[in-house]
Amino acid sequence: MAWAAKWFERAAPSDVGPSGRDHGPRDATRARPVTSLVPPAGARRGRIRPSRFQPSAAGVIFPRMSAFSHPDFDAPRFAQGPDARFLPAPADGVLPEEFFSTTNLPTYVRVNGRWRMPREPRMDSALVLDAEGELWVREGRRVRRGELVAVGHAEDGSEGIYVHTAAFLGEPGEGGEFKFMTSEVSREKPIDYGQMARLLVDERERGGYPVWVTGPALVHSRARADMTWFIEQGFVGALLAGNAVAVHDIEASIFGTTLGMTGSGEASSGGHGLHMRAINRVRAAGSIARAVEQGVIRDGIMHACVIHRVPFVLTGSIRDDGPLPEVITDAVAGQDAMRQHAKRATMAILIATALHAIATGNMLPAFVTEADGSLRELATICVDSSEFVVSKLKDRGTHQAFGVVTNAQDFMHILRFYVERELATRAAAAPARRERPDVPAALAQGAP
């Protein structure tokens, strides 16, 4: 369609299988596996310039999802480059002194003369070569004594490790022209909710895994019903939140208040203790799931997660009341639980939570590896009423994040409206496509 940026470019095949090991020559018509390495002759090489903040068909601004090609590893600087060096970890949870510290950008490691991409990419971790010859990105605390860890500091391939920084960050010195309204985060910039809706619907249709990260303001601001709707309609792969989100959602289900505040925004008599009573009822039931089964929790976000089997991770903080039974109070265990979903994420929506947003951003790669080995940007939307939170997320390395400076209530109401409209548009176009199978879907939607 004219409004949509191309999600990804199909890459040419390589002779390396999904395990990263050589499986011999492959047919040129087959898709590139996940751990694709050197592109063969004829494959698209070099980066394609990512389009940041381009006008959409509606005339509003939203970052189109960038796709890019793998580097040209036939170029002399890569073909003649050295293999990466690996040293054994001296102890459990201890890395070699000169270990390579990873980024969230596409990274390639030269092993036995072949450039390879590691699995489970994220920033602030190490590159580990396991006994089967597979490359992994691992947090330092998870590395065991004797495991081989890549060492070096250079990211330009001169030490066998190449970080594809130009993929999303662009080349230094690009542009230079004086322009107004060039900051990436501003409450004065228009927001293309239509494009966000299309991204979400596309994710559901392709079987993606959108991860939602929410703060309690989403519940307080009357966006609870909208979040519940997104879960029920299959737009949420996993929910990551803190104790407070679940507590106030459950309080709303049982008592109709959040922190004692009614739906009209008024404080209720004795309402200051209602969240504690909600926690107590869930603890008496044994878990959130059992409270749903017993009819204690009858509606809302957590009810929808249980009923529709949407996984959730609730992590604790030092100020939590209760907490609820499912809340993970060990910070490292909580990070590990969140990481399991961050590894699967194909899209991320972060709403009204500074710490959870930044924590999740640190676990996410800036890109998604498709089944055929091609790469596209991981759509990441950060929503907050303050520019500071969105800017801080980007400053902590989540380069691909697009900031929406607004309150949670408005964002959720408007996004739901546009998603419902997008669904209606596609449903109306479906009969036209069936009647005219020879006409491409993009043309059929606009055909008379």
Protein backbone atom coordinates (compact mmCIF):
# COMPACT_ATOMS: atom_id res chain seq x y z
CA MET A 1 0.00 0.00 0.00
CA ALA A 2 1.08 3.58 -0.58
CA TRP A 3 0.96 4.43 3.12
CA ALA A 4 3.20 1.64 4.27
CA ALA A 5 6.97 1.50 4.24
CA LYS A 6 8.42 -1.79 3.08
CA TRP A 7 8.80 -3.99 6.16
CA PHE A 8 11.85 -5.83 5.02
CA GLU A 9 13.84 -6.79 1.99
CA ARG A 10 14.08 -10.50 1.33
CA ALA A 11 17.73 -11.42 1.63
CA ALA A 12 19.55 -13.85 -0.59
CA PRO A 13 20.34 -17.30 0.81
CA SER A 14 23.58 -18.42 2.39
CA ASP A 15 25.05 -21.84 2.93
CA VAL A 16 24.69 -21.69 6.68
CA GLY A 17 21.81 -23.45 8.44
CA PRO A 18 19.77 -22.29 11.43
CA SER A 19 22.32 -23.68 13.87
CA GLY A 20 25.01 -21.47 12.39
CA ARG A 21 27.01 -24.45 11.17
CA ASP A 22 27.87 -25.13 7.56
CA HIS A 23 25.36 -27.43 5.86
CA GLY A 24 26.83 -27.20 2.37
CA PRO A 25 25.51 -25.37 -0.72
CA ARG A 26 21.87 -24.31 -0.71
CA ASP A 27 19.38 -23.61 -3.46
CA ALA A 28 19.36 -19.93 -4.40
CA THR A 29 15.59 -19.74 -4.17
CA ARG A 30 15.42 -20.72 -0.50
CA ALA A 31 15.18 -18.17 2.29
CA ARG A 32 18.12 -17.13 4.40
CA PRO A 33 18.14 -18.84 7.83
CA VAL A 34 18.10 -16.90 11.07
CA THR A 35 21.86 -16.97 11.61
CA SER A 36 22.69 -15.76 8.10
CA LEU A 37 26.25 -14.90 7.34
CA VAL A 38 28.06 -13.87 4.16
CA PRO A 39 25.63 -12.85 1.40
CA PRO A 40 26.37 -14.72 -1.84
CA ALA A 41 27.04 -13.11 -5.19
CA GLY A 42 24.07 -11.14 -6.42
CA ALA A 43 22.63 -10.45 -2.97
CA ARG A 44 21.76 -6.90 -1.98
CA ARG A 45 24.57 -5.44 0.04
CA GLY A 46 25.31 -2.32 1.96
CA ARG A 47 22.80 -0.38 3.97
CA ILE A 48 19.71 1.30 2.71
CA ARG A 49 19.16 4.69 4.23
CA PRO A 50 16.64 4.41 7.08
CA SER A 51 13.77 6.86 6.85
CA ARG A 52 13.24 8.58 10.16
CA PHE A 53 10.19 10.81 10.63
CA GLN A 54 8.91 10.78 7.10
CA PRO A 55 5.46 12.17 6.24
CA SER A 56 2.84 9.48 5.84
CA ALA A 57 0.00 9.57 3.37
CA ALA A 58 -2.07 11.42 5.95
CA GLY A 59 0.47 14.21 6.16
CA VAL A 60 1.44 13.51 9.74
CA ILE A 61 4.79 12.45 11.07
CA PHE A 62 5.66 8.94 12.16
CA PRO A 63 8.89 6.96 11.72
CA ARG A 64 8.52 4.40 8.98
CA MET A 65 9.91 1.01 9.82
CA SER A 66 13.38 0.75 8.36
CA ALA A 67 14.66 -2.36 6.65
CA PHE A 68 18.28 -2.82 5.72
CA SER A 69 20.63 -5.17 3.96
CA HIS A 70 23.45 -7.11 5.52
CA PRO A 71 26.90 -5.55 5.00
CA ASP A 72 28.93 -6.55 1.95
CA PHE A 73 31.18 -9.18 3.51
CA ASP A 74 32.85 -9.80 0.15
CA ALA A 75 34.50 -6.39 0.49
CA PRO A 76 38.24 -6.68 1.23
CA ARG A 77 37.95 -5.09 4.69
CA PHE A 78 35.69 -7.97 5.73
CA ALA A 79 36.92 -10.82 3.51
CA GLN A 80 40.51 -10.29 4.64
CA GLY A 81 39.68 -9.47 8.24
CA PRO A 82 40.69 -11.58 11.24
CA ASP A 83 38.54 -14.02 13.15
CA ALA A 84 37.26 -12.84 16.51
CA ARG A 85 39.27 -13.89 19.55
CA PHE A 86 37.69 -15.86 22.38
CA LEU A 87 38.97 -16.44 25.90
CA PRO A 88 37.53 -18.70 28.60
CA ALA A 89 35.56 -17.11 31.42
CA PRO A 90 37.77 -17.29 34.57
CA ALA A 91 34.82 -18.03 36.91
CA ASP A 92 31.05 -18.27 36.99
CA GLY A 93 29.62 -14.81 36.34
CA VAL A 94 33.06 -13.32 35.59
CA LEU A 95 34.11 -12.32 32.07
CA PRO A 96 37.62 -12.02 30.65
CA GLU A 97 38.99 -8.54 31.31
CA GLU A 98 38.89 -7.50 27.64
CA PHE A 99 35.42 -8.89 26.87
CA PHE A 100 33.43 -7.27 24.06
CA SER A 101 30.39 -5.40 25.41
CA THR A 102 27.40 -5.79 23.10
CA THR A 103 24.97 -3.21 21.71
CA ASN A 104 21.36 -3.62 20.58
CA LEU A 105 22.34 -3.08 16.93
CA PRO A 106 22.97 -5.83 14.34
CA THR A 107 26.30 -7.43 15.22
CA TYR A 108 28.41 -9.84 13.17
CA VAL A 109 31.22 -12.04 14.49
CA ARG A 110 33.84 -13.73 12.29
CA VAL A 111 34.32 -17.38 13.27
CA ASN A 112 36.37 -19.79 11.15
CA GLY A 113 36.38 -17.32 8.28
CA ARG A 114 32.61 -16.70 8.30
CA TRP A 115 30.70 -13.67 9.56
CA ARG A 116 27.85 -14.75 11.82
CA MET A 117 25.09 -13.09 13.82
CA PRO A 118 24.63 -14.18 17.44
CA ARG A 119 21.29 -15.32 18.85
CA GLU A 120 19.23 -13.39 21.41
CA PRO A 121 20.83 -9.96 20.84
CA ARG A 122 20.68 -7.21 23.47
CA MET A 123 22.92 -4.48 24.84
CA ASP A 124 25.27 -4.65 27.85
CA SER A 125 26.12 -8.33 27.52
CA ALA A 126 28.84 -10.64 26.18
CA LEU A 127 29.32 -12.76 23.06
CA VAL A 128 29.62 -16.45 23.92
CA LEU A 129 30.62 -19.33 21.62
CA ASP A 130 29.16 -22.55 22.99
CA ALA A 131 30.43 -26.11 22.68
CA GLU A 132 28.21 -26.71 19.64
CA GLY A 133 29.72 -23.76 17.80
CA GLU A 134 26.64 -21.56 18.32
CA LEU A 135 27.01 -17.84 19.06
CA TRP A 136 24.90 -16.32 21.82
CA VAL A 137 24.51 -12.99 23.55
CA ARG A 138 24.60 -13.66 27.28
CA GLU A 139 24.37 -11.47 30.37
CA GLY A 140 27.62 -11.65 32.31
CA ARG A 141 25.98 -13.21 35.34
CA ARG A 142 24.83 -16.18 33.22
CA VAL A 143 28.27 -17.03 31.79
CA ARG A 144 29.83 -20.13 33.30
CA ARG A 145 33.49 -20.77 34.03
CA GLY A 146 35.37 -21.96 30.93
CA GLU A 147 32.81 -20.75 28.37
CA LEU A 148 34.42 -18.95 25.44
CA VAL A 149 33.82 -15.20 25.46
CA ALA A 150 34.67 -12.82 22.60
CA VAL A 151 37.26 -10.20 23.48
CA GLY A 152 38.11 -6.89 21.87
CA HIS A 153 36.90 -3.29 21.79
CA ALA A 154 36.75 -2.43 18.08
CA GLU A 155 33.31 -2.46 16.40
CA ASP A 156 34.55 -1.92 12.83
CA GLY A 157 35.47 -5.52 12.03
CA SER A 158 39.20 -5.02 12.59
CA GLU A 159 39.09 -7.44 15.53
CA GLY A 160 36.58 -9.84 14.00
CA ILE A 161 33.46 -8.11 15.35
CA TYR A 162 31.37 -5.68 13.33
CA VAL A 163 28.48 -3.59 14.67
CA HIS A 164 26.21 -2.33 11.89
CA THR A 165 25.74 1.14 13.39
CA ALA A 166 24.80 2.75 10.07
CA ALA A 167 21.71 0.54 9.88
CA PHE A 168 19.61 2.78 12.14
CA LEU A 169 21.86 5.59 13.34
CA GLY A 170 22.93 6.81 9.89
CA GLU A 171 26.34 7.94 8.77
CA PRO A 172 28.06 10.74 10.69
CA GLY A 173 27.80 14.10 9.02
CA GLU A 174 24.55 13.42 7.18
CA GLY A 175 22.37 16.46 6.64
CA GLY A 176 23.77 19.66 8.12
CA GLU A 177 21.01 21.93 6.90
CA PHE A 178 19.39 24.21 9.49
CA LYS A 179 15.79 23.16 10.10
CA PHE A 180 13.02 23.79 12.59
CA MET A 181 11.15 21.01 14.45
CA THR A 182 13.96 18.46 14.14
CA SER A 183 13.93 17.15 17.71
CA GLU A 184 12.78 13.55 17.85
CA VAL A 185 10.62 14.02 20.96
CA SER A 186 8.15 16.89 21.26
CA ARG A 187 4.56 17.34 22.40
CA GLU A 188 4.17 19.82 19.51
CA LYS A 189 4.60 17.20 16.81
CA PRO A 190 1.59 15.48 15.23
CA ILE A 191 1.16 11.73 15.76
CA ASP A 192 0.14 9.29 13.07
CA TYR A 193 -2.19 7.00 15.04
CA GLY A 194 -3.31 5.46 11.77
CA GLN A 195 0.18 4.16 11.09
CA MET A 196 0.50 2.78 14.61
CA ALA A 197 -2.84 1.02 14.17
CA ARG A 198 -1.67 -0.53 10.91
CA LEU A 199 1.51 -1.75 12.59
CA LEU A 200 -0.49 -3.42 15.37
CA VAL A 201 -2.94 -5.07 12.99
CA ASP A 202 -0.06 -6.24 10.80
CA GLU A 203 1.61 -7.77 13.86
CA ARG A 204 -1.52 -9.70 14.74
CA GLU A 205 -2.01 -10.91 11.18
CA ARG A 206 1.57 -12.16 10.85
CA GLY A 207 1.47 -13.87 14.26
CA GLY A 208 3.89 -11.42 15.84
CA TYR A 209 4.62 -10.95 19.53
CA PRO A 210 3.86 -7.37 20.64
CA VAL A 211 5.09 -6.76 24.18
CA TRP A 212 3.20 -4.11 26.19
CA VAL A 213 4.84 -2.45 29.18
CA THR A 214 2.51 -0.39 31.36
CA GLY A 215 2.51 1.78 34.45
CA PRO A 216 -0.31 2.38 36.98
CA ALA A 217 -1.28 5.68 35.36
CA LEU A 218 -2.86 3.61 32.60
CA VAL A 219 -5.29 2.19 35.17
CA HIS A 220 -5.91 5.46 37.03
CA SER A 221 -6.59 7.39 33.81
CA ARG A 222 -9.57 5.28 32.70
CA ALA A 223 -7.59 3.51 29.99
CA ARG A 224 -8.19 0.19 31.75
CA ALA A 225 -11.10 -0.75 29.48
CA ASP A 226 -9.03 -0.01 26.37
CA MET A 227 -6.11 -2.13 27.59
CA THR A 228 -8.54 -4.95 28.34
CA TRP A 229 -9.92 -4.65 24.80
CA PHE A 230 -6.46 -4.92 23.22
CA ILE A 231 -5.80 -8.09 25.22
CA GLU A 232 -9.17 -9.62 24.30
CA GLN A 233 -8.67 -8.84 20.61
CA GLY A 234 -5.28 -10.54 20.41
CA PHE A 235 -3.03 -7.48 20.14
CA VAL A 236 -0.98 -8.28 23.25
CA GLY A 237 1.67 -11.00 23.18
CA ALA A 238 2.80 -10.38 26.76
CA LEU A 239 2.22 -7.78 29.49
CA LEU A 240 5.14 -6.52 31.59
CA ALA A 241 4.29 -4.35 34.58
CA GLY A 242 4.80 -3.79 38.28
CA ASN A 243 2.78 -4.77 41.32
CA ALA A 244 0.81 -1.50 41.25
CA VAL A 245 -0.71 -2.05 37.80
CA ALA A 246 -2.22 -5.37 38.84
CA VAL A 247 -3.24 -4.14 42.30
CA HIS A 248 -5.16 -1.11 41.05
CA ASP A 249 -6.71 -3.07 38.19
CA ILE A 250 -7.95 -5.69 40.63
CA GLU A 251 -9.14 -3.00 43.04
CA ALA A 252 -11.17 -1.53 40.17
CA SER A 253 -12.70 -4.93 39.47
CA ILE A 254 -13.68 -5.60 43.09
CA PHE A 255 -14.48 -2.12 44.42
CA GLY A 256 -14.79 0.11 41.35
CA THR A 257 -11.96 2.38 42.51
CA THR A 258 -8.20 2.83 42.01
CA LEU A 259 -6.41 4.00 45.16
CA GLY A 260 -9.86 4.85 46.42
CA MET A 261 -10.63 7.12 43.45
CA THR A 262 -13.91 6.54 41.68
CA GLY A 263 -14.33 6.43 37.93
CA SER A 264 -15.41 10.07 38.00
CA GLY A 265 -12.17 11.08 39.72
CA GLU A 266 -13.58 11.60 43.20
CA ALA A 267 -12.08 10.21 46.43
CA SER A 268 -14.31 7.69 48.17
CA SER A 269 -14.82 7.47 51.91
CA GLY A 270 -12.44 4.89 53.35
CA GLY A 271 -11.01 4.37 49.90
CA HIS A 272 -7.39 4.63 51.03
CA GLY A 273 -7.49 1.01 52.20
CA LEU A 274 -9.29 -0.56 49.26
CA HIS A 275 -6.13 -1.51 47.38
CA MET A 276 -4.92 -3.32 50.51
CA ARG A 277 -8.23 -5.18 50.74
CA ALA A 278 -7.90 -6.16 47.08
CA ILE A 279 -4.41 -7.54 47.71
CA ASN A 280 -5.67 -9.45 50.73
CA ARG A 281 -8.46 -11.11 48.74
CA VAL A 282 -6.06 -12.27 46.03
CA ARG A 283 -3.60 -13.57 48.59
CA ALA A 284 -6.44 -15.46 50.25
CA ALA A 285 -7.32 -17.02 46.89
CA GLY A 286 -3.68 -18.01 46.39
CA SER A 287 -3.02 -16.31 43.07
CA ILE A 288 -4.48 -13.96 40.50
CA ALA A 289 -5.53 -16.92 38.34
CA ARG A 290 -7.36 -18.57 41.23
CA ALA A 291 -9.03 -15.28 42.12
CA VAL A 292 -10.34 -15.15 38.55
CA GLU A 293 -11.54 -18.76 38.74
CA GLN A 294 -13.31 -18.07 42.05
CA GLY A 295 -15.04 -14.96 40.70
CA VAL A 296 -13.16 -12.55 42.96
CA ILE A 297 -11.79 -10.76 39.89
CA ARG A 298 -14.56 -10.40 37.32
CA ASP A 299 -13.18 -8.02 34.69
CA GLY A 300 -10.24 -5.85 33.71
CA ILE A 301 -6.66 -6.28 32.57
CA MET A 302 -5.54 -9.17 34.76
CA HIS A 303 -8.86 -10.97 34.24
CA ALA A 304 -8.38 -10.73 30.46
CA CYS A 305 -4.78 -11.98 30.69
CA VAL A 306 -5.89 -15.06 32.63
CA ILE A 307 -8.96 -15.80 30.49
CA HIS A 308 -7.11 -15.34 27.19
CA ARG A 309 -3.88 -16.94 28.43
CA VAL A 310 -1.75 -13.88 27.77
CA PRO A 311 1.46 -14.21 29.81
CA PHE A 312 2.32 -11.43 32.22
CA VAL A 313 5.34 -10.59 34.34
CA LEU A 314 4.86 -8.51 37.48
CA THR A 315 8.08 -7.29 39.06
CA GLY A 316 8.33 -5.75 42.49
CA SER A 317 9.87 -2.59 43.89
CA ILE A 318 11.02 -1.62 47.35
CA ARG A 319 7.84 0.35 48.05
CA ASP A 320 5.27 -2.28 47.03
CA ASP A 321 2.23 -3.00 49.15
CA GLY A 322 1.50 -6.69 49.54
CA PRO A 323 2.71 -7.68 47.06
CA LEU A 324 0.40 -9.88 45.02
CA PRO A 325 1.38 -13.58 44.93
CA GLU A 326 2.67 -13.53 41.32
CA VAL A 327 4.94 -10.52 41.85
CA ILE A 328 8.64 -11.39 41.44
CA THR A 329 10.45 -9.58 44.24
CA ASP A 330 13.96 -10.68 43.28
CA ALA A 331 15.22 -8.03 40.84
CA VAL A 332 17.49 -10.38 38.89
CA ALA A 333 14.80 -13.06 38.65
CA GLY A 334 12.37 -10.38 37.49
CA GLN A 335 14.78 -9.23 34.80
CA ASP A 336 15.24 -12.81 33.62
CA ALA A 337 11.47 -13.30 33.40
CA MET A 338 11.03 -10.09 31.41
CA ARG A 339 13.91 -11.06 29.16
CA GLN A 340 12.14 -14.24 28.07
CA HIS A 341 9.47 -12.08 26.46
CA ALA A 342 11.85 -9.38 25.21
CA LYS A 343 13.68 -12.08 23.22
CA ARG A 344 10.44 -12.93 21.40
CA ALA A 345 9.26 -9.34 20.89
CA THR A 346 8.43 -8.18 17.37
CA MET A 347 6.99 -4.86 18.59
CA ALA A 348 7.03 -3.00 21.91
CA ILE A 349 4.59 -0.45 23.34
CA LEU A 350 5.74 1.24 26.55
CA ILE A 351 3.11 3.33 28.35
CA ALA A 352 3.44 5.61 31.38
CA THR A 353 6.34 3.91 33.13
CA ALA A 354 9.89 5.26 33.20
CA LEU A 355 11.76 2.44 34.94
CA HIS A 356 9.95 -0.47 33.30
CA ALA A 357 10.24 1.20 29.88
CA ILE A 358 13.99 1.73 30.19
CA ALA A 359 14.51 -1.75 31.66
CA THR A 360 12.63 -3.33 28.76
CA GLY A 361 14.40 -1.12 26.24
CA ASN A 362 17.75 -2.37 27.54
CA MET A 363 16.67 -5.96 26.87
CA LEU A 364 15.37 -5.37 23.34
CA PRO A 365 17.41 -5.54 20.16
CA ALA A 366 16.83 -2.63 17.79
CA PHE A 367 15.82 -5.06 15.07
CA VAL A 368 13.76 -8.16 14.31
CA THR A 369 15.23 -11.13 12.46
CA GLU A 370 12.62 -12.62 10.15
CA ALA A 371 12.40 -16.37 9.48
CA ASP A 372 14.24 -15.92 6.18
CA GLY A 373 17.12 -14.05 7.83
CA SER A 374 16.13 -10.58 6.61
CA LEU A 375 16.12 -7.79 9.17
CA ARG A 376 13.74 -4.96 10.01
CA GLU A 377 13.49 -2.39 12.71
CA LEU A 378 11.71 -3.43 15.90
CA ALA A 379 8.83 -0.96 16.18
CA THR A 380 9.09 0.57 19.67
CA ILE A 381 6.60 3.18 20.85
CA CYS A 382 7.12 4.98 24.16
CA VAL A 383 4.20 6.96 25.58
CA ASP A 384 4.51 9.38 28.47
CA SER A 385 3.19 12.78 29.50
CA SER A 386 6.78 14.02 29.87
CA GLU A 387 9.38 14.43 27.13
CA PHE A 388 12.00 13.55 29.76
CA VAL A 389 11.00 9.87 29.97
CA VAL A 390 11.02 9.36 26.21
CA SER A 391 14.33 11.19 25.81
CA LYS A 392 15.89 9.19 28.65
CA LEU A 393 14.84 5.93 27.01
CA LYS A 394 16.59 6.95 23.78
CA ASP A 395 19.62 8.24 25.70
CA ARG A 396 19.96 4.81 27.33
CA GLY A 397 20.42 3.23 23.90
CA THR A 398 16.93 2.39 22.62
CA HIS A 399 17.59 4.29 19.39
CA GLN A 400 14.58 2.92 17.55
CA ALA A 401 12.04 4.23 20.08
CA PHE A 402 9.47 6.70 18.83
CA GLY A 403 8.14 9.04 21.49
CA VAL A 404 4.49 9.97 21.91
CA VAL A 405 4.17 12.76 24.46
CA THR A 406 0.62 12.52 25.78
CA ASN A 407 -1.31 10.99 28.67
CA ALA A 408 -2.16 7.31 28.79
CA GLN A 409 -5.91 7.84 28.58
CA ASP A 410 -5.81 9.84 25.36
CA PHE A 411 -3.28 7.53 23.74
CA MET A 412 -5.22 4.37 24.49
CA HIS A 413 -8.61 5.83 23.51
CA ILE A 414 -7.33 7.19 20.21
CA LEU A 415 -5.23 4.14 19.32
CA ARG A 416 -8.18 1.84 19.93
CA PHE A 417 -10.37 4.03 17.71
CA TYR A 418 -7.86 3.84 14.86
CA VAL A 419 -7.31 0.10 15.28
CA GLU A 420 -11.06 -0.53 15.14
CA ARG A 421 -11.25 1.63 12.02
CA GLU A 422 -8.33 -0.23 10.43
CA LEU A 423 -10.01 -3.56 11.16
CA ALA A 424 -13.24 -2.32 9.60
CA THR A 425 -11.38 -1.08 6.52
CA ARG A 426 -9.65 -4.41 6.01
CA ALA A 427 -12.86 -6.35 6.58
CA ALA A 428 -14.63 -4.24 3.94
CA ALA A 429 -11.75 -4.74 1.50
CA ALA A 430 -11.70 -8.52 1.92
CA PRO A 431 -14.81 -9.20 -0.24
CA ALA A 432 -13.37 -7.02 -3.00
CA ARG A 433 -10.16 -9.05 -2.99
CA ARG A 434 -12.12 -12.30 -3.15
CA GLU A 435 -14.17 -11.02 -6.08
CA ARG A 436 -11.10 -9.82 -7.96
CA PRO A 437 -8.33 -12.32 -7.08
CA ASP A 438 -6.20 -11.14 -9.97
CA VAL A 439 -5.97 -7.65 -8.47
CA PRO A 440 -3.31 -7.00 -5.79
CA ALA A 441 -4.73 -6.31 -2.31
CA ALA A 442 -3.32 -2.77 -2.27
CA LEU A 443 -5.19 -1.94 -5.50
CA ALA A 444 -8.36 -3.80 -4.56
CA GLN A 445 -8.85 -1.62 -1.50
CA GLY A 446 -8.98 1.48 -3.62
CA ALA A 447 -10.65 -0.05 -6.66
CA PRO A 448 -14.02 1.35 -7.75
